[in-house]
Amino acid sequence: MQEIVGGNNGRIYEQFESVCDRLLTRMLELRYDDKLERVKFNWMHEVMYKDGEGRITLRFHDRLKPLLLKLKERFSQIPLKVVFKLRGGLCNPVV
């Protein structure tokens, strides 16, 4: 994994844990078609860390399942190596 995200002085798992911790606290709000009903919940149901193995298991909130399953049909697949090279900011697409 470290070769995908680039060298970072052996702190890769600390960085992943930090990202997962932020996801545990991030709230989402879904509004339904009638716009009179909405629900708020966190992204993550739980995050399990396997210390010593370098493994993190994420369990998303159950309400996200229908939305996550639709992602495949609506978005392109991008290799992780490319995703981790992306930096925030504006992009100027070449037409």
PDB file of N, CA and C in Angstrom:
ATOM      1  N   MET A   1       0.820  -1.197   0.000  1.00  0.00           N
ATOM      2  CA  MET A   1       0.000   0.000   0.000  1.00  0.00           C
ATOM      3  C   MET A   1       0.861   1.256   0.000  1.00  0.00           C
ATOM      4  N   GLN A   2       1.983   1.216   0.701  1.00  0.00           N
ATOM      5  CA  GLN A   2       2.826   2.396   0.784  1.00  0.00           C
ATOM      6  C   GLN A   2       3.352   2.815  -0.588  1.00  0.00           C
ATOM      7  N   GLU A   3       3.600   1.826  -1.473  1.00  0.00           N
ATOM      8  CA  GLU A   3       4.056   2.185  -2.808  1.00  0.00           C
ATOM      9  C   GLU A   3       2.956   2.858  -3.622  1.00  0.00           C
ATOM     10  N   ILE A   4       1.692   2.621  -3.267  1.00  0.00           N
ATOM     11  CA  ILE A   4       0.574   3.255  -3.974  1.00  0.00           C
ATOM     12  C   ILE A   4       0.440   4.708  -3.557  1.00  0.00           C
ATOM     13  N   VAL A   5       0.493   4.978  -2.253  1.00  0.00           N
ATOM     14  CA  VAL A   5       0.263   6.335  -1.757  1.00  0.00           C
ATOM     15  C   VAL A   5       1.541   7.156  -1.683  1.00  0.00           C
ATOM     16  N   GLY A   6       2.658   6.554  -1.931  1.00  0.00           N
ATOM     17  CA  GLY A   6       3.922   7.273  -1.901  1.00  0.00           C
ATOM     18  C   GLY A   6       4.590   7.155  -0.549  1.00  0.00           C
ATOM     19  N   GLY A   7       5.877   7.429  -0.523  1.00  0.00           N
ATOM     20  CA  GLY A   7       6.633   7.332   0.723  1.00  0.00           C
ATOM     21  C   GLY A   7       6.155   8.369   1.727  1.00  0.00           C
ATOM     22  N   ASN A   8       5.994   7.947   2.964  1.00  0.00           N
ATOM     23  CA  ASN A   8       5.573   8.892   4.003  1.00  0.00           C
ATOM     24  C   ASN A   8       6.187   8.534   5.350  1.00  0.00           C
ATOM     25  N   ASN A   9       7.428   8.070   5.322  1.00  0.00           N
ATOM     26  CA  ASN A   9       8.188   7.797   6.540  1.00  0.00           C
ATOM     27  C   ASN A   9       7.512   6.789   7.458  1.00  0.00           C
ATOM     28  N   GLY A  10       6.845   5.776   6.915  1.00  0.00           N
ATOM     29  CA  GLY A  10       6.258   4.719   7.732  1.00  0.00           C
ATOM     30  C   GLY A  10       5.022   5.123   8.511  1.00  0.00           C
ATOM     31  N   ARG A  11       4.400   6.211   8.168  1.00  0.00           N
ATOM     32  CA  ARG A  11       3.230   6.691   8.910  1.00  0.00           C
ATOM     33  C   ARG A  11       1.918   6.394   8.182  1.00  0.00           C
ATOM     34  N   ILE A  12       1.942   5.499   7.224  1.00  0.00           N
ATOM     35  CA  ILE A  12       0.761   5.237   6.399  1.00  0.00           C
ATOM     36  C   ILE A  12      -0.436   4.796   7.228  1.00  0.00           C
ATOM     37  N   TYR A  13      -0.234   3.898   8.179  1.00  0.00           N
ATOM     38  CA  TYR A  13      -1.362   3.388   8.961  1.00  0.00           C
ATOM     39  C   TYR A  13      -1.902   4.444   9.914  1.00  0.00           C
ATOM     40  N   GLU A  14      -1.022   5.300  10.422  1.00  0.00           N
ATOM     41  CA  GLU A  14      -1.481   6.426  11.245  1.00  0.00           C
ATOM     42  C   GLU A  14      -2.364   7.349  10.426  1.00  0.00           C
ATOM     43  N   GLN A  15      -1.974   7.594   9.186  1.00  0.00           N
ATOM     44  CA  GLN A  15      -2.763   8.465   8.317  1.00  0.00           C
ATOM     45  C   GLN A  15      -4.114   7.830   7.984  1.00  0.00           C
ATOM     46  N   PHE A  16      -4.115   6.531   7.692  1.00  0.00           N
ATOM     47  CA  PHE A  16      -5.381   5.854   7.420  1.00  0.00           C
ATOM     48  C   PHE A  16      -6.281   5.881   8.651  1.00  0.00           C
ATOM     49  N   GLU A  17      -5.699   5.668   9.826  1.00  0.00           N
ATOM     50  CA  GLU A  17      -6.499   5.706  11.052  1.00  0.00           C
ATOM     51  C   GLU A  17      -7.094   7.091  11.272  1.00  0.00           C
ATOM     52  N   SER A  18      -6.332   8.119  10.978  1.00  0.00           N
ATOM     53  CA  SER A  18      -6.827   9.486  11.114  1.00  0.00           C
ATOM     54  C   SER A  18      -8.015   9.740  10.182  1.00  0.00           C
ATOM     55  N   VAL A  19      -7.907   9.266   8.954  1.00  0.00           N
ATOM     56  CA  VAL A  19      -9.013   9.412   7.985  1.00  0.00           C
ATOM     57  C   VAL A  19     -10.249   8.661   8.477  1.00  0.00           C
ATOM     58  N   CYS A  20     -10.055   7.437   8.956  1.00  0.00           N
ATOM     59  CA  CYS A  20     -11.182   6.635   9.455  1.00  0.00           C
ATOM     60  C   CYS A  20     -11.833   7.296  10.664  1.00  0.00           C
ATOM     61  N   ASP A  21     -11.026   7.868  11.547  1.00  0.00           N
ATOM     62  CA  ASP A  21     -11.578   8.567  12.709  1.00  0.00           C
ATOM     63  C   ASP A  21     -12.447   9.746  12.285  1.00  0.00           C
ATOM     64  N   ARG A  22     -12.010  10.456  11.261  1.00  0.00           N
ATOM     65  CA  ARG A  22     -12.822  11.581  10.763  1.00  0.00           C
ATOM     66  C   ARG A  22     -14.129  11.089  10.158  1.00  0.00           C
ATOM     67  N   LEU A  23     -14.074   9.969   9.430  1.00  0.00           N
ATOM     68  CA  LEU A  23     -15.303   9.417   8.856  1.00  0.00           C
ATOM     69  C   LEU A  23     -16.298   9.000   9.936  1.00  0.00           C
ATOM     70  N   LEU A  24     -15.788   8.552  11.069  1.00  0.00           N
ATOM     71  CA  LEU A  24     -16.674   8.156  12.182  1.00  0.00           C
ATOM     72  C   LEU A  24     -17.464   9.341  12.729  1.00  0.00           C
ATOM     73  N   THR A  25     -16.953  10.533  12.553  1.00  0.00           N
ATOM     74  CA  THR A  25     -17.620  11.714  13.109  1.00  0.00           C
ATOM     75  C   THR A  25     -18.370  12.526  12.061  1.00  0.00           C
ATOM     76  N   ARG A  26     -18.250  12.179  10.811  1.00  0.00           N
ATOM     77  CA  ARG A  26     -18.916  12.948   9.742  1.00  0.00           C
ATOM     78  C   ARG A  26     -20.375  12.549   9.614  1.00  0.00           C
ATOM     79  N   MET A  27     -21.234  13.543   9.590  1.00  0.00           N
ATOM     80  CA  MET A  27     -22.673  13.303   9.492  1.00  0.00           C
ATOM     81  C   MET A  27     -23.157  13.511   8.056  1.00  0.00           C
ATOM     82  N   LEU A  28     -24.081  12.673   7.646  1.00  0.00           N
ATOM     83  CA  LEU A  28     -24.747  12.801   6.350  1.00  0.00           C
ATOM     84  C   LEU A  28     -26.219  13.089   6.587  1.00  0.00           C
ATOM     85  N   GLU A  29     -26.825  13.753   5.626  1.00  0.00           N
ATOM     86  CA  GLU A  29     -28.269  13.974   5.686  1.00  0.00           C
ATOM     87  C   GLU A  29     -28.880  13.549   4.363  1.00  0.00           C
ATOM     88  N   LEU A  30     -29.858  12.665   4.430  1.00  0.00           N
ATOM     89  CA  LEU A  30     -30.592  12.248   3.233  1.00  0.00           C
ATOM     90  C   LEU A  30     -31.967  12.865   3.262  1.00  0.00           C
ATOM     91  N   ARG A  31     -32.339  13.440   2.134  1.00  0.00           N
ATOM     92  CA  ARG A  31     -33.695  13.969   1.988  1.00  0.00           C
ATOM     93  C   ARG A  31     -34.422  13.090   0.996  1.00  0.00           C
ATOM     94  N   TYR A  32     -35.653  12.824   1.299  1.00  0.00           N
ATOM     95  CA  TYR A  32     -36.452  11.959   0.436  1.00  0.00           C
ATOM     96  C   TYR A  32     -37.272  12.790  -0.528  1.00  0.00           C
ATOM     97  N   ASP A  33     -37.884  12.125  -1.510  1.00  0.00           N
ATOM     98  CA  ASP A  33     -38.549  12.806  -2.610  1.00  0.00           C
ATOM     99  C   ASP A  33     -39.542  13.870  -2.181  1.00  0.00           C
ATOM    100  N   ASP A  34     -40.307  13.602  -1.154  1.00  0.00           N
ATOM    101  CA  ASP A  34     -41.312  14.581  -0.752  1.00  0.00           C
ATOM    102  C   ASP A  34     -40.698  15.786  -0.031  1.00  0.00           C
ATOM    103  N   LYS A  35     -39.399  15.721   0.268  1.00  0.00           N
ATOM    104  CA  LYS A  35     -38.636  16.794   0.912  1.00  0.00           C
ATOM    105  C   LYS A  35     -39.137  17.155   2.303  1.00  0.00           C
ATOM    106  N   LEU A  36     -40.144  16.447   2.794  1.00  0.00           N
ATOM    107  CA  LEU A  36     -40.648  16.689   4.136  1.00  0.00           C
ATOM    108  C   LEU A  36     -40.045  15.712   5.136  1.00  0.00           C
ATOM    109  N   GLU A  37     -39.344  14.742   4.610  1.00  0.00           N
ATOM    110  CA  GLU A  37     -38.733  13.750   5.482  1.00  0.00           C
ATOM    111  C   GLU A  37     -37.239  13.705   5.196  1.00  0.00           C
ATOM    112  N   ARG A  38     -36.459  13.694   6.256  1.00  0.00           N
ATOM    113  CA  ARG A  38     -35.012  13.601   6.115  1.00  0.00           C
ATOM    114  C   ARG A  38     -34.461  12.835   7.292  1.00  0.00           C
ATOM    115  N   VAL A  39     -33.263  12.295   7.109  1.00  0.00           N
ATOM    116  CA  VAL A  39     -32.620  11.510   8.159  1.00  0.00           C
ATOM    117  C   VAL A  39     -31.137  11.886   8.196  1.00  0.00           C
ATOM    118  N   LYS A  40     -30.578  11.940   9.400  1.00  0.00           N
ATOM    119  CA  LYS A  40     -29.154  12.226   9.582  1.00  0.00           C
ATOM    120  C   LYS A  40     -28.499  11.027  10.245  1.00  0.00           C
ATOM    121  N   PHE A  41     -27.270  10.712   9.801  1.00  0.00           N
ATOM    122  CA  PHE A  41     -26.533   9.592  10.369  1.00  0.00           C
ATOM    123  C   PHE A  41     -25.064   9.751  10.008  1.00  0.00           C
ATOM    124  N   ASN A  42     -24.208   8.963  10.655  1.00  0.00           N
ATOM    125  CA  ASN A  42     -22.768   8.983  10.367  1.00  0.00           C
ATOM    126  C   ASN A  42     -22.452   8.050   9.210  1.00  0.00           C
ATOM    127  N   TRP A  43     -21.351   8.335   8.517  1.00  0.00           N
ATOM    128  CA  TRP A  43     -20.888   7.484   7.435  1.00  0.00           C
ATOM    129  C   TRP A  43     -20.624   6.065   7.905  1.00  0.00           C
ATOM    130  N   MET A  44     -19.912   5.944   9.000  1.00  0.00           N
ATOM    131  CA  MET A  44     -19.419   4.660   9.465  1.00  0.00           C
ATOM    132  C   MET A  44     -20.262   4.101  10.599  1.00  0.00           C
ATOM    133  N   HIS A  45     -20.477   2.798  10.543  1.00  0.00           N
ATOM    134  CA  HIS A  45     -21.072   2.105  11.677  1.00  0.00           C
ATOM    135  C   HIS A  45     -19.954   1.749  12.655  1.00  0.00           C
ATOM    136  N   GLU A  46     -18.840   1.245  12.112  1.00  0.00           N
ATOM    137  CA  GLU A  46     -17.692   0.930  12.951  1.00  0.00           C
ATOM    138  C   GLU A  46     -16.442   0.818  12.091  1.00  0.00           C
ATOM    139  N   VAL A  47     -15.302   0.956  12.748  1.00  0.00           N
ATOM    140  CA  VAL A  47     -14.001   0.749  12.124  1.00  0.00           C
ATOM    141  C   VAL A  47     -13.218  -0.175  13.035  1.00  0.00           C
ATOM    142  N   MET A  48     -12.733  -1.300  12.474  1.00  0.00           N
ATOM    143  CA  MET A  48     -11.976  -2.267  13.258  1.00  0.00           C
ATOM    144  C   MET A  48     -10.516  -2.230  12.800  1.00  0.00           C
ATOM    145  N   TYR A  49      -9.613  -2.080  13.760  1.00  0.00           N
ATOM    146  CA  TYR A  49      -8.188  -2.015  13.485  1.00  0.00           C
ATOM    147  C   TYR A  49      -7.536  -3.326  13.910  1.00  0.00           C
ATOM    148  N   LYS A  50      -6.775  -3.937  13.010  1.00  0.00           N
ATOM    149  CA  LYS A  50      -6.014  -5.145  13.316  1.00  0.00           C
ATOM    150  C   LYS A  50      -4.554  -4.717  13.475  1.00  0.00           C
ATOM    151  N   ASP A  51      -4.235  -4.233  14.671  1.00  0.00           N
ATOM    152  CA  ASP A  51      -2.870  -3.790  14.942  1.00  0.00           C
ATOM    153  C   ASP A  51      -1.909  -4.951  14.751  1.00  0.00           C
ATOM    154  N   GLY A  52      -0.778  -4.663  14.181  1.00  0.00           N
ATOM    155  CA  GLY A  52       0.217  -5.699  13.919  1.00  0.00           C
ATOM    156  C   GLY A  52       0.051  -6.333  12.555  1.00  0.00           C
ATOM    157  N   GLU A  53      -1.172  -6.292  12.004  1.00  0.00           N
ATOM    158  CA  GLU A  53      -1.419  -6.836  10.661  1.00  0.00           C
ATOM    159  C   GLU A  53      -1.492  -5.729   9.623  1.00  0.00           C
ATOM    160  N   GLY A  54      -1.673  -4.498  10.084  1.00  0.00           N
ATOM    161  CA  GLY A  54      -1.813  -3.388   9.144  1.00  0.00           C
ATOM    162  C   GLY A  54      -3.114  -3.452   8.380  1.00  0.00           C
ATOM    163  N   ARG A  55      -4.174  -3.943   9.036  1.00  0.00           N
ATOM    164  CA  ARG A  55      -5.467  -4.104   8.370  1.00  0.00           C
ATOM    165  C   ARG A  55      -6.522  -3.249   9.075  1.00  0.00           C
ATOM    166  N   ILE A  56      -7.340  -2.590   8.277  1.00  0.00           N
ATOM    167  CA  ILE A  56      -8.455  -1.794   8.792  1.00  0.00           C
ATOM    168  C   ILE A  56      -9.709  -2.269   8.075  1.00  0.00           C
ATOM    169  N   THR A  57     -10.748  -2.604   8.839  1.00  0.00           N
ATOM    170  CA  THR A  57     -12.020  -3.035   8.265  1.00  0.00           C
ATOM    171  C   THR A  57     -13.058  -1.958   8.551  1.00  0.00           C
ATOM    172  N   LEU A  58     -13.687  -1.465   7.486  1.00  0.00           N
ATOM    173  CA  LEU A  58     -14.698  -0.415   7.599  1.00  0.00           C
ATOM    174  C   LEU A  58     -16.080  -1.014   7.434  1.00  0.00           C
ATOM    175  N   ARG A  59     -16.999  -0.599   8.266  1.00  0.00           N
ATOM    176  CA  ARG A  59     -18.399  -0.994   8.089  1.00  0.00           C
ATOM    177  C   ARG A  59     -19.211   0.288   7.982  1.00  0.00           C
ATOM    178  N   PHE A  60     -19.715   0.538   6.776  1.00  0.00           N
ATOM    179  CA  PHE A  60     -20.508   1.732   6.526  1.00  0.00           C
ATOM    180  C   PHE A  60     -21.887   1.586   7.165  1.00  0.00           C
ATOM    181  N   HIS A  61     -22.528   2.706   7.402  1.00  0.00           N
ATOM    182  CA  HIS A  61     -23.882   2.700   7.943  1.00  0.00           C
ATOM    183  C   HIS A  61     -24.806   1.964   6.970  1.00  0.00           C
ATOM    184  N   ASP A  62     -25.745   1.202   7.501  1.00  0.00           N
ATOM    185  CA  ASP A  62     -26.653   0.401   6.667  1.00  0.00           C
ATOM    186  C   ASP A  62     -27.464   1.242   5.690  1.00  0.00           C
ATOM    187  N   ARG A  63     -27.787   2.474   6.048  1.00  0.00           N
ATOM    188  CA  ARG A  63     -28.573   3.339   5.149  1.00  0.00           C
ATOM    189  C   ARG A  63     -27.802   3.712   3.881  1.00  0.00           C
ATOM    190  N   LEU A  64     -26.493   3.539   3.886  1.00  0.00           N
ATOM    191  CA  LEU A  64     -25.689   3.863   2.708  1.00  0.00           C
ATOM    192  C   LEU A  64     -25.671   2.744   1.668  1.00  0.00           C
ATOM    193  N   LYS A  65     -26.085   1.559   2.045  1.00  0.00           N
ATOM    194  CA  LYS A  65     -25.991   0.412   1.139  1.00  0.00           C
ATOM    195  C   LYS A  65     -26.638   0.672  -0.226  1.00  0.00           C
ATOM    196  N   PRO A  66     -27.888   1.135  -0.300  1.00  0.00           N
ATOM    197  CA  PRO A  66     -28.473   1.358  -1.631  1.00  0.00           C
ATOM    198  C   PRO A  66     -27.719   2.410  -2.438  1.00  0.00           C
ATOM    199  N   LEU A  67     -27.198   3.423  -1.770  1.00  0.00           N
ATOM    200  CA  LEU A  67     -26.457   4.463  -2.481  1.00  0.00           C
ATOM    201  C   LEU A  67     -25.111   3.952  -2.978  1.00  0.00           C
ATOM    202  N   LEU A  68     -24.410   3.205  -2.137  1.00  0.00           N
ATOM    203  CA  LEU A  68     -23.105   2.681  -2.534  1.00  0.00           C
ATOM    204  C   LEU A  68     -23.218   1.657  -3.655  1.00  0.00           C
ATOM    205  N   LEU A  69     -24.290   0.874  -3.658  1.00  0.00           N
ATOM    206  CA  LEU A  69     -24.480  -0.109  -4.718  1.00  0.00           C
ATOM    207  C   LEU A  69     -24.745   0.553  -6.064  1.00  0.00           C
ATOM    208  N   LYS A  70     -25.302   1.746  -6.062  1.00  0.00           N
ATOM    209  CA  LYS A  70     -25.571   2.466  -7.310  1.00  0.00           C
ATOM    210  C   LYS A  70     -24.336   3.163  -7.869  1.00  0.00           C
ATOM    211  N   LEU A  71     -23.288   3.309  -7.066  1.00  0.00           N
ATOM    212  CA  LEU A  71     -22.088   4.005  -7.524  1.00  0.00           C
ATOM    213  C   LEU A  71     -21.474   3.353  -8.756  1.00  0.00           C
ATOM    214  N   LYS A  72     -21.468   2.038  -8.786  1.00  0.00           N
ATOM    215  CA  LYS A  72     -20.822   1.323  -9.886  1.00  0.00           C
ATOM    216  C   LYS A  72     -21.459   1.674 -11.231  1.00  0.00           C
ATOM    217  N   GLU A  73     -22.764   1.835 -11.242  1.00  0.00           N
ATOM    218  CA  GLU A  73     -23.435   2.128 -12.511  1.00  0.00           C
ATOM    219  C   GLU A  73     -23.347   3.597 -12.899  1.00  0.00           C
ATOM    220  N   ARG A  74     -22.997   4.466 -11.962  1.00  0.00           N
ATOM    221  CA  ARG A  74     -22.993   5.902 -12.248  1.00  0.00           C
ATOM    222  C   ARG A  74     -21.610   6.519 -12.358  1.00  0.00           C
ATOM    223  N   PHE A  75     -20.577   5.801 -11.940  1.00  0.00           N
ATOM    224  CA  PHE A  75     -19.241   6.386 -11.925  1.00  0.00           C
ATOM    225  C   PHE A  75     -18.228   5.433 -12.537  1.00  0.00           C
ATOM    226  N   SER A  76     -17.100   5.987 -12.931  1.00  0.00           N
ATOM    227  CA  SER A  76     -16.006   5.200 -13.509  1.00  0.00           C
ATOM    228  C   SER A  76     -15.139   4.610 -12.412  1.00  0.00           C
ATOM    229  N   GLN A  77     -14.460   3.547 -12.736  1.00  0.00           N
ATOM    230  CA  GLN A  77     -13.497   2.960 -11.813  1.00  0.00           C
ATOM    231  C   GLN A  77     -12.150   3.620 -12.031  1.00  0.00           C
ATOM    232  N   ILE A  78     -11.504   3.981 -10.919  1.00  0.00           N
ATOM    233  CA  ILE A  78     -10.192   4.618 -10.976  1.00  0.00           C
ATOM    234  C   ILE A  78      -9.251   3.801 -10.084  1.00  0.00           C
ATOM    235  N   PRO A  79      -8.110   3.385 -10.601  1.00  0.00           N
ATOM    236  CA  PRO A  79      -7.173   2.620  -9.765  1.00  0.00           C
ATOM    237  C   PRO A  79      -6.725   3.418  -8.537  1.00  0.00           C
ATOM    238  N   LEU A  80      -6.546   2.723  -7.399  1.00  0.00           N
ATOM    239  CA  LEU A  80      -6.128   3.399  -6.163  1.00  0.00           C
ATOM    240  C   LEU A  80      -4.844   4.195  -6.346  1.00  0.00           C
ATOM    241  N   LYS A  81      -3.935   3.678  -7.145  1.00  0.00           N
ATOM    242  CA  LYS A  81      -2.662   4.368  -7.361  1.00  0.00           C
ATOM    243  C   LYS A  81      -2.901   5.778  -7.916  1.00  0.00           C
ATOM    244  N   VAL A  82      -3.889   5.920  -8.783  1.00  0.00           N
ATOM    245  CA  VAL A  82      -4.230   7.224  -9.360  1.00  0.00           C
ATOM    246  C   VAL A  82      -4.953   8.086  -8.327  1.00  0.00           C
ATOM    247  N   VAL A  83      -5.890   7.491  -7.585  1.00  0.00           N
ATOM    248  CA  VAL A  83      -6.676   8.238  -6.600  1.00  0.00           C
ATOM    249  C   VAL A  83      -5.775   8.884  -5.554  1.00  0.00           C
ATOM    250  N   PHE A  84      -4.794   8.135  -5.045  1.00  0.00           N
ATOM    251  CA  PHE A  84      -3.942   8.663  -3.987  1.00  0.00           C
ATOM    252  C   PHE A  84      -2.977   9.731  -4.491  1.00  0.00           C
ATOM    253  N   LYS A  85      -2.819   9.847  -5.785  1.00  0.00           N
ATOM    254  CA  LYS A  85      -1.979  10.917  -6.332  1.00  0.00           C
ATOM    255  C   LYS A  85      -2.780  12.205  -6.496  1.00  0.00           C
ATOM    256  N   LEU A  86      -4.108  12.127  -6.446  1.00  0.00           N
ATOM    257  CA  LEU A  86      -4.941  13.301  -6.612  1.00  0.00           C
ATOM    258  C   LEU A  86      -4.779  14.219  -5.411  1.00  0.00           C
ATOM    259  N   ARG A  87      -4.746  15.471  -5.661  1.00  0.00           N
ATOM    260  CA  ARG A  87      -4.695  16.475  -4.605  1.00  0.00           C
ATOM    261  C   ARG A  87      -5.916  17.366  -4.801  1.00  0.00           C
ATOM    262  N   GLY A  88      -6.419  17.944  -3.743  1.00  0.00           N
ATOM    263  CA  GLY A  88      -7.593  18.812  -3.827  1.00  0.00           C
ATOM    264  C   GLY A  88      -7.323  20.017  -4.701  1.00  0.00           C
ATOM    265  N   GLY A  89      -8.383  20.722  -5.018  1.00  0.00           N
ATOM    266  CA  GLY A  89      -8.254  21.925  -5.832  1.00  0.00           C
ATOM    267  C   GLY A  89      -9.037  21.815  -7.124  1.00  0.00           C
ATOM    268  N   LEU A  90      -8.941  22.849  -7.915  1.00  0.00           N
ATOM    269  CA  LEU A  90      -9.661  22.875  -9.182  1.00  0.00           C
ATOM    270  C   LEU A  90      -8.865  22.145 -10.249  1.00  0.00           C
ATOM    271  N   CYS A  91      -9.587  21.584 -11.171  1.00  0.00           N
ATOM    272  CA  CYS A  91      -8.910  20.903 -12.255  1.00  0.00           C
ATOM    273  C   CYS A  91      -9.399  21.495 -13.561  1.00  0.00           C
ATOM    274  N   ASN A  92      -8.522  21.609 -14.523  1.00  0.00           N
ATOM    275  CA  ASN A  92      -8.872  22.129 -15.832  1.00  0.00           C
ATOM    276  C   ASN A  92      -8.853  20.978 -16.816  1.00  0.00           C
ATOM    277  N   PRO A  93     -10.051  20.428 -17.135  1.00  0.00           N
ATOM    278  CA  PRO A  93     -10.078  19.294 -18.059  1.00  0.00           C
ATOM    279  C   PRO A  93      -9.641  19.687 -19.467  1.00  0.00           C
ATOM    280  N   VAL A  94      -8.979  18.767 -20.117  1.00  0.00           N
ATOM    281  CA  VAL A  94      -8.574  18.968 -21.501  1.00  0.00           C
ATOM    282  C   VAL A  94      -9.703  18.464 -22.379  1.00  0.00           C
ATOM    283  N   VAL A  95     -10.171  19.317 -23.283  1.00  0.00           N
ATOM    284  CA  VAL A  95     -11.285  18.935 -24.149  1.00  0.00           C
ATOM    285  C   VAL A  95     -10.761  18.575 -25.524  1.00  0.00           C
TER     286      VAL A  95
END
